[in-house]
Protein backbone atom coordinates (compact mmCIF):
# COMPACT_ATOMS: atom_id res chain seq x y z
CA MET A 1 14.37 22.64 -1.60
CA ALA A 2 17.42 20.59 -0.70
CA VAL A 3 17.05 16.82 -0.62
CA LEU A 4 18.79 14.70 1.98
CA PRO A 5 21.45 12.42 0.44
CA PHE A 6 20.15 9.54 2.56
CA LYS A 7 16.87 8.25 3.87
CA PRO A 8 16.81 8.20 7.68
CA ALA A 9 15.75 4.88 9.17
CA PRO A 10 12.78 4.86 11.57
CA PHE A 11 13.82 4.90 15.23
CA PHE A 12 11.86 1.73 16.02
CA GLU A 13 12.90 -0.19 12.91
CA ASP A 14 15.20 -2.28 15.13
CA LYS A 15 13.15 -2.66 18.30
CA ASN A 16 15.93 -4.29 20.32
CA ARG A 17 18.35 -1.46 19.55
CA ALA A 18 15.68 1.17 20.22
CA PHE A 19 14.97 -0.40 23.64
CA TRP A 20 18.59 -0.26 24.74
CA ARG A 21 18.98 3.28 23.49
CA LEU A 22 15.95 4.44 25.46
CA GLN A 23 17.14 2.50 28.52
CA MET A 24 20.49 4.24 28.47
CA LEU A 25 18.95 7.62 27.70
CA GLY A 26 16.27 7.35 30.40
CA TRP A 27 18.38 6.04 33.23
CA GLY A 28 21.25 8.27 32.20
CA GLY A 29 18.89 11.22 32.58
CA ALA A 30 17.74 9.92 35.98
CA PHE A 31 21.38 9.66 37.08
CA ILE A 32 22.12 13.23 36.02
CA LEU A 33 18.99 14.50 37.78
CA ARG A 34 19.81 12.72 41.04
CA MET A 35 23.43 13.81 40.85
CA ALA A 36 22.38 17.46 40.37
CA THR A 37 19.94 17.15 43.28
CA SER A 38 22.61 15.74 45.58
CA LEU A 39 25.06 18.49 44.67
CA ALA A 40 22.36 21.11 45.20
CA ASN A 41 21.78 19.65 48.69
CA GLU A 42 25.53 19.99 49.38
CA ARG A 43 26.16 16.26 49.48
CA GLY A 44 29.75 15.13 49.20
CA LEU A 45 31.21 13.74 46.03
CA ASP A 46 31.29 10.32 47.65
CA PHE A 47 27.48 10.36 47.52
CA LEU A 48 27.77 9.94 43.75
CA VAL A 49 28.61 6.29 44.44
CA VAL A 50 25.17 5.92 46.03
CA VAL A 51 23.56 7.57 42.99
CA VAL A 52 25.40 5.15 40.71
CA ILE A 53 24.07 2.21 42.72
CA PHE A 54 20.53 3.66 42.54
CA THR A 55 20.84 3.97 38.77
CA ILE A 56 22.28 0.49 38.21
CA ALA A 57 19.55 -1.01 40.39
CA GLY A 58 16.82 0.81 38.45
CA PHE A 59 18.36 -0.14 35.11
CA SER A 60 18.58 -3.82 36.08
CA ILE A 61 15.10 -4.02 37.62
CA SER A 62 13.49 -2.33 34.60
CA THR A 63 15.28 -4.75 32.27
CA VAL A 64 13.79 -7.67 34.21
CA LEU A 65 10.40 -5.95 34.09
CA SER A 66 10.60 -5.71 30.29
CA VAL A 67 10.93 -9.49 30.04
CA ILE A 68 7.92 -10.01 32.31
CA TYR A 69 5.83 -7.34 30.58
CA ASN A 70 6.62 -8.91 27.22
CA HIS A 71 4.81 -12.07 28.33
CA LEU A 72 1.89 -10.09 29.76
CA ILE A 73 1.21 -7.57 27.00
CA ASN A 74 -0.67 -9.95 24.70
CA ARG A 75 -2.86 -11.46 27.43
CA THR A 76 -6.40 -10.38 28.23
CA PRO A 77 -6.64 -6.86 29.72
CA LEU A 78 -7.68 -8.18 33.15
CA VAL A 79 -4.70 -10.51 33.36
CA THR A 80 -2.30 -7.94 31.94
CA TRP A 81 -3.15 -5.07 34.25
CA THR A 82 -3.63 -7.19 37.39
CA ALA A 83 -0.33 -9.00 36.91
CA THR A 84 1.41 -5.73 35.98
CA ALA A 85 0.24 -4.07 39.21
CA LEU A 86 1.50 -7.00 41.29
CA VAL A 87 4.82 -7.22 39.47
CA LEU A 88 5.34 -3.45 39.66
CA SER A 89 4.62 -3.45 43.39
CA GLY A 90 7.21 -6.16 43.94
CA ALA A 91 9.76 -4.37 41.75
CA VAL A 92 9.27 -1.09 43.64
CA ALA A 93 9.68 -2.92 46.96
CA VAL A 94 12.95 -4.51 45.79
CA SER A 95 14.22 -1.18 44.47
CA ALA A 96 13.27 0.61 47.71
CA PHE A 97 15.00 -2.09 49.76
CA ILE A 98 18.23 -1.70 47.74
CA SER A 99 18.08 2.07 48.00
CA ALA A 100 17.40 2.04 51.76
CA TRP A 101 20.15 -0.49 52.39
CA THR A 102 22.61 1.60 50.35
CA LEU A 103 21.69 4.77 52.29
CA ASP A 104 22.00 2.93 55.58
CA VAL A 105 25.47 1.66 54.69
CA TYR A 106 26.50 5.09 53.41
CA SER A 107 25.35 6.90 56.57
CA GLY A 108 26.97 4.29 58.81
CA GLY A 109 23.83 3.66 60.78
CA SER A 110 21.64 6.73 60.92
CA GLU A 111 19.12 7.65 63.57
CA ALA A 112 16.27 6.75 61.23
CA SER A 113 15.16 3.13 61.19
CA PHE A 114 15.52 0.96 58.10
CA ALA A 115 11.74 1.02 57.61
CA GLN A 116 11.76 4.81 57.64
CA LEU A 117 14.53 4.84 55.05
CA MET A 118 12.53 2.47 52.83
CA PHE A 119 9.42 4.60 53.17
CA GLY A 120 11.46 7.72 52.36
CA VAL A 121 12.74 6.37 49.01
CA PHE A 122 9.63 4.31 48.17
CA TYR A 123 7.79 7.15 46.41
CA ILE A 124 10.84 8.01 44.30
CA ASP A 125 11.24 4.42 43.09
CA LEU A 126 7.49 4.11 42.57
CA THR A 127 7.50 7.26 40.41
CA LEU A 128 10.47 6.14 38.30
CA LEU A 129 9.41 2.51 37.76
CA GLY A 130 5.74 3.46 37.36
CA ALA A 131 6.62 6.00 34.67
CA TRP A 132 8.94 3.47 33.02
CA SER A 133 6.16 0.83 32.97
CA GLY A 134 3.63 3.25 31.54
CA LEU A 135 6.06 4.32 28.82
CA TYR A 136 6.87 0.68 28.02
CA TYR A 137 3.22 -0.23 27.44
CA ALA A 138 2.48 3.03 25.61
CA ILE A 139 5.31 2.47 23.12
CA ASN A 140 4.36 -1.16 22.53
CA PHE A 141 0.67 -0.41 22.02
CA PHE A 142 1.60 2.40 19.63
CA LEU A 143 3.87 0.08 17.63
CA GLN A 144 1.16 -2.61 17.51
CA VAL A 145 -1.33 -0.08 16.13
CA GLU A 146 1.22 1.05 13.54
CA GLU A 147 1.92 -2.55 12.50
CA GLN A 148 -1.78 -3.35 12.21
CA THR A 149 -2.31 -0.20 10.13
CA ASP A 150 0.58 -1.10 7.83
CA ARG A 151 -0.67 -4.66 7.51
CA LEU A 152 -4.16 -3.44 6.65
CA GLU A 153 -2.76 -1.10 4.00
CA ARG A 154 -0.73 -3.92 2.48
CA LEU A 155 -3.76 -6.21 2.43
CA GLU A 156 -5.88 -3.50 0.81
CA ALA A 157 -3.18 -2.89 -1.81
CA GLN A 158 -2.93 -6.61 -2.52
CA ALA A 159 -6.71 -6.93 -2.75
CA THR A 160 -6.87 -3.99 -5.16
CA SER A 161 -4.09 -5.48 -7.26
CA ALA A 162 -5.85 -8.85 -7.33
CA GLN A 163 -9.13 -7.18 -8.33
CA LEU A 164 -7.41 -5.25 -11.13
CA ALA A 165 -5.72 -8.43 -12.33
CA MET A 166 -9.04 -10.28 -12.35
CA LEU A 167 -10.70 -7.53 -14.38
CA ARG A 168 -7.72 -7.41 -16.71
CA TYR A 169 -7.77 -11.17 -17.27
CA GLN A 170 -11.40 -10.98 -18.38
CA LEU A 171 -10.33 -9.24 -21.58
CA ASN A 172 -7.96 -11.69 -23.27
CA PRO A 173 -10.22 -14.80 -23.26
CA HIS A 174 -13.10 -12.86 -24.79
CA PHE A 175 -10.99 -11.31 -27.54
CA LEU A 176 -9.22 -14.61 -28.13
CA PHE A 177 -12.56 -16.40 -28.57
CA ASN A 178 -13.73 -13.91 -31.22
CA THR A 179 -10.46 -14.05 -33.13
CA LEU A 180 -10.23 -17.83 -33.09
CA ASN A 181 -13.82 -18.01 -34.26
CA SER A 182 -12.93 -15.78 -37.22
CA ILE A 183 -9.88 -17.91 -38.01
CA SER A 184 -12.05 -21.03 -37.85
CA THR A 185 -14.47 -19.46 -40.32
CA LEU A 186 -11.64 -18.63 -42.72
CA VAL A 187 -10.32 -22.18 -42.47
CA LEU A 188 -13.76 -23.62 -43.23
CA LEU A 189 -13.94 -21.35 -46.27
CA LYS A 190 -10.49 -22.64 -47.28
CA GLN A 191 -9.04 -19.15 -47.13
CA THR A 192 -5.74 -20.34 -45.68
CA ALA A 193 -3.72 -17.24 -46.50
CA PRO A 194 -5.97 -14.81 -44.57
CA ALA A 195 -6.27 -17.36 -41.76
CA ASN A 196 -2.49 -17.69 -41.53
CA ALA A 197 -2.09 -13.90 -41.59
CA MET A 198 -4.63 -13.51 -38.82
CA LEU A 199 -2.86 -16.17 -36.73
CA THR A 200 0.43 -14.30 -37.21
CA LYS A 201 -1.10 -11.02 -36.11
CA LEU A 202 -2.80 -12.71 -33.17
CA SER A 203 0.53 -14.15 -32.10
CA SER A 204 2.11 -10.68 -32.27
CA PHE A 205 -0.74 -9.22 -30.27
CA LEU A 206 -0.55 -11.85 -27.53
CA ARG A 207 3.23 -11.52 -27.36
CA HIS A 208 2.78 -7.79 -26.94
CA THR A 209 0.34 -8.29 -24.06
CA LEU A 210 2.90 -10.35 -22.14
CA VAL A 211 5.00 -7.21 -21.67
CA THR A 212 2.31 -5.64 -19.51
CA GLN A 213 1.65 -6.91 -16.01
CA PRO A 214 -2.03 -7.37 -15.10
CA GLY A 215 -3.17 -4.42 -13.01
CA GLY A 216 -0.20 -2.34 -14.14
CA LYS A 217 -0.13 0.89 -16.08
CA VAL A 218 1.18 1.76 -19.51
CA THR A 219 1.54 5.00 -21.40
CA VAL A 220 -1.11 6.11 -23.85
CA ALA A 221 1.42 5.60 -26.66
CA GLN A 222 1.87 1.97 -25.65
CA GLU A 223 -1.89 1.48 -25.37
CA VAL A 224 -2.32 2.91 -28.88
CA GLU A 225 0.35 0.54 -30.15
CA THR A 226 -1.57 -2.37 -28.67
CA LEU A 227 -4.79 -1.07 -30.22
CA GLN A 228 -3.11 -0.92 -33.62
CA LEU A 229 -2.25 -4.61 -33.35
CA TYR A 230 -5.80 -5.40 -32.32
CA LEU A 231 -7.27 -3.30 -35.15
CA GLU A 232 -5.05 -5.00 -37.70
CA ILE A 233 -6.68 -8.28 -36.77
CA GLU A 234 -10.20 -6.81 -36.88
CA ARG A 235 -9.47 -5.01 -40.15
CA MET A 236 -8.90 -8.38 -41.79
CA ARG A 237 -12.51 -9.21 -40.92
CA PHE A 238 -14.16 -5.90 -41.85
CA GLU A 239 -11.70 -4.51 -44.44
CA ASP A 240 -12.86 -1.06 -45.61
CA ARG A 241 -15.86 -1.05 -43.31
CA LEU A 242 -13.53 -0.39 -40.37
CA ARG A 243 -12.00 3.10 -40.48
CA THR A 244 -9.93 4.57 -37.67
CA GLU A 245 -8.68 7.98 -36.63
CA PHE A 246 -6.19 8.73 -33.83
CA ARG A 247 -5.59 12.22 -32.42
CA VAL A 248 -3.14 11.90 -29.55
CA GLU A 249 -1.21 14.93 -28.31
CA ASP A 250 2.44 14.54 -27.36
CA ASP A 251 1.91 15.21 -23.64
CA ALA A 252 -1.08 12.87 -23.58
CA SER A 253 0.91 10.09 -25.24
CA ARG A 254 3.25 10.06 -22.22
CA GLY A 255 0.41 9.84 -19.71
CA CYS A 256 -0.15 6.61 -17.76
CA ILE A 257 -3.39 4.65 -17.89
CA PRO A 258 -4.39 1.13 -16.75
CA SER A 259 -3.32 -1.42 -19.31
CA PHE A 260 -5.97 -2.49 -21.84
CA LEU A 261 -8.29 0.29 -20.73
CA LEU A 262 -9.26 1.29 -24.27
CA GLN A 263 -9.55 -2.07 -25.99
CA PRO A 264 -13.06 -2.89 -24.65
CA LEU A 265 -14.24 0.53 -25.83
CA VAL A 266 -12.91 -0.08 -29.32
CA GLU A 267 -14.27 -3.62 -29.24
CA ASN A 268 -17.75 -2.33 -28.38
CA ALA A 269 -17.47 0.28 -31.13
CA ILE A 270 -16.69 -2.48 -33.63
CA LYS A 271 -19.52 -4.68 -32.43
CA TYR A 272 -22.24 -2.03 -32.19
CA GLY A 273 -20.92 0.43 -34.77
CA VAL A 274 -18.97 -1.30 -37.54
CA SER A 275 -20.71 -4.69 -37.68
CA ALA A 276 -24.19 -3.20 -37.16
CA GLN A 277 -24.07 -1.17 -40.39
CA GLU A 278 -23.46 -2.32 -43.91
CA GLU A 279 -21.28 0.71 -44.64
CA GLY A 280 -19.34 0.19 -41.41
CA ALA A 281 -18.23 3.06 -39.19
CA ARG A 282 -15.29 5.23 -38.25
CA ILE A 283 -13.74 4.80 -34.81
CA SER A 284 -11.92 7.79 -33.38
CA LEU A 285 -9.59 8.08 -30.40
CA ALA A 286 -8.60 11.48 -29.01
CA ALA A 287 -6.27 12.05 -26.05
CA LYS A 288 -5.18 15.35 -24.59
CA VAL A 289 -4.06 16.87 -21.31
CA ILE A 290 -6.30 19.47 -19.69
CA GLY A 291 -4.62 21.01 -16.68
CA SER A 292 -3.76 18.14 -14.35
CA ARG A 293 -6.21 15.76 -16.03
CA LEU A 294 -5.86 13.33 -18.92
CA ARG A 295 -8.93 13.15 -21.18
CA LEU A 296 -9.52 10.14 -23.42
CA VAL A 297 -12.41 10.13 -25.90
CA VAL A 298 -13.42 7.07 -27.93
CA SER A 299 -16.23 7.60 -30.41
CA ASP A 300 -17.78 5.90 -33.39
CA THR A 301 -20.20 6.80 -36.18
CA GLY A 302 -22.46 3.84 -35.58
CA PRO A 303 -26.19 3.89 -34.77
CA GLY A 304 -25.58 4.80 -31.13
CA LEU A 305 -28.06 4.11 -28.34
CA GLN A 306 -31.41 2.86 -29.50
CA GLY A 307 -34.55 4.66 -28.36
CA ASN A 308 -34.46 6.15 -24.90
CA GLN A 309 -31.72 3.93 -23.60
CA ASN A 310 -29.60 5.82 -21.07
CA ALA A 311 -25.98 5.44 -20.06
CA ALA A 312 -26.68 3.01 -17.20
CA GLU A 313 -28.62 0.76 -19.56
CA ALA A 314 -25.79 0.93 -22.05
CA VAL A 315 -23.35 -0.23 -19.41
CA ALA A 316 -25.66 -3.06 -18.36
CA LYS A 317 -26.26 -4.12 -21.96
CA SER A 318 -22.56 -4.12 -22.70
CA GLN A 319 -21.88 -6.20 -19.62
CA THR A 320 -24.43 -8.88 -20.47
CA SER A 321 -23.78 -8.97 -24.20
CA THR A 322 -19.99 -8.99 -24.33
CA GLY A 323 -19.10 -10.52 -20.99
CA VAL A 324 -16.82 -7.59 -20.08
CA GLY A 325 -17.85 -4.37 -21.78
CA LEU A 326 -18.24 -0.94 -20.25
CA ALA A 327 -18.94 -2.26 -16.77
CA ASN A 328 -15.42 -3.68 -16.70
CA ILE A 329 -14.01 -0.25 -17.54
CA VAL A 330 -16.06 1.44 -14.83
CA GLU A 331 -14.92 -1.10 -12.24
CA ARG A 332 -11.25 -0.83 -13.21
CA LEU A 333 -11.36 2.96 -13.03
CA SER A 334 -12.95 2.76 -9.58
CA GLN A 335 -10.29 0.33 -8.38
CA ALA A 336 -7.42 2.41 -9.76
CA TYR A 337 -8.59 5.96 -8.97
CA GLY A 338 -11.48 5.73 -6.52
CA GLU A 339 -13.81 8.66 -7.11
CA ASP A 340 -11.12 10.75 -8.78
CA HIS A 341 -12.17 9.91 -12.33
CA LEU A 342 -14.87 10.67 -14.89
CA PHE A 343 -16.67 8.15 -17.10
CA ALA A 344 -19.33 9.65 -19.35
CA ILE A 345 -21.37 8.31 -22.26
CA GLU A 346 -22.86 10.55 -24.95
CA THR A 347 -24.86 9.86 -28.08
CA PRO A 348 -26.13 12.57 -30.44
CA PRO A 349 -29.66 12.36 -31.90
CA ASP A 350 -28.33 11.59 -35.39
CA GLY A 351 -26.36 8.55 -34.20
CA GLY A 352 -22.91 7.76 -32.99
CA PHE A 353 -21.56 6.80 -29.58
CA THR A 354 -18.92 8.57 -27.48
CA VAL A 355 -17.23 7.53 -24.25
CA THR A 356 -15.21 10.14 -22.34
CA ILE A 357 -12.75 9.24 -19.60
CA GLU A 358 -10.88 11.72 -17.41
CA ILE A 359 -8.25 10.61 -14.93
CA PRO A 360 -5.35 12.29 -13.09
CA TYR A 361 -2.43 12.91 -15.43
CA GLU A 362 0.60 10.81 -14.52
CA ARG A 363 3.63 11.12 -16.71
CA GLY A 364 5.23 7.73 -17.34
CA ASP A 365 8.36 6.19 -18.80
CA GLU A 366 7.61 4.47 -22.07
CA GLU A 367 10.45 2.00 -21.59
CA GLU A 368 9.06 0.63 -18.32
CA PRO A 369 5.36 0.01 -18.89
CA ALA A 370 4.93 -2.39 -16.01
CA ALA A 371 6.85 -0.47 -13.37
CA ASP A 372 3.82 0.43 -11.32
CA ALA A 373 2.59 -3.13 -11.24
CA GLN A 374 5.88 -4.35 -9.79
CA LYS A 375 5.78 -1.94 -6.86
CA LEU A 376 3.67 -4.18 -4.68
CA PRO A 377 4.25 -4.00 -0.95
CA ARG A 378 6.36 -6.85 0.35
CA PRO A 379 5.61 -8.68 3.58
CA SER A 380 7.45 -7.18 6.49
CA PRO A 381 9.56 -9.23 8.91
CA VAL A 382 6.61 -8.95 11.26
CA GLU A 383 4.43 -11.07 8.96
CA LYS A 384 7.14 -13.60 8.21
CA GLY A 385 8.19 -14.56 11.72
CA GLY A 386 5.65 -13.35 14.23
CA ARG A 387 5.40 -9.96 15.88
CA PRO A 388 8.49 -8.89 17.85
CA THR A 389 7.76 -6.71 20.87
CA PHE A 390 9.68 -3.57 21.68
CA GLY A 391 11.65 -3.85 24.91
CA THR A 392 12.48 -7.57 24.84
CA PRO A 393 16.20 -7.80 25.61
CA GLN A 394 18.07 -10.10 23.26
CA THR A 395 21.48 -11.66 23.35
CA GLY A 396 24.27 -9.25 22.58
CA ALA A 397 25.17 -5.73 23.57
CA PRO A 398 23.23 -2.83 22.14
CA ALA A 399 24.72 -1.26 19.02
């Protein structure tokens, strides 16, 4: 399918220009219609001068009406429609007077009285100006609804972004507290070399997190790289007790996921799997693409859920015990994907704990991890300087 080399601008993007275009198009069409009618009725060519005067009068009166309607449109409905009816009646009377006077001058004093001439053209002017007024209000109300819809969408997008950022910011303080506590313990034990090494790795990890915007998305490969930095710090605490295994397919490694989506899962696996057993545990991460879905599986060989604890209880326990936990993951997935995601917890009878996540597969660019986060909607000119109304003539000729 061919792609247009340019993006057409919306017709009402410049409301002033759109107004003048419709004015010229509408009254130009009325001129052509009246001209064709006069020629069909075997009027002379000199009658075209009368048609031109009719058209100029209608164009001018409707332009004045647009200024008045612009001040009425945002009033209460009773005031708007009552004042509009009165103003329209006056405008039709003025237009009918001009038309009757022009016909009287053209005919050189016809047998019909001036009042009869006014009554004869009154219904034509009422139809034209009434239709013009209805179209004016219809277009403006439509544009107001569109602007309110756009504004609501922008506010929802900003609220979602703020919620994602809040959930994302919950992760770093918690991890930082645990790491600093470990460093403090090493310092108290006078193990300066391991403490210095852990500080260096922590610095690298925090520097790496600055690349990712809160609420943004990264590729699975970038998330794994971040996990490796995190695990290097934790491995200094648990040494051989912490064993890891990564099975990430090539297509899956290019898939986009919310930043720091997997770290709380690995953190929980370390807390409830590695530290809970003297022999430690193995933490596994598997990622693959299934059709149009990206499946992420984080599992450990720890003791798993105790007793008859179900998945909901596991989420609640994680939330209260770690401060972020699985509930944070569930909330972030809901904010990012709505109902179009899967979050499942499994634990076999012989122990272990597995979390499975399925989300829509989105192929990303590894060199621009924070691209999605930077695509926030910007305030429109409407929000910056008030709401301009279509059909308010401004200084300068129409382009």
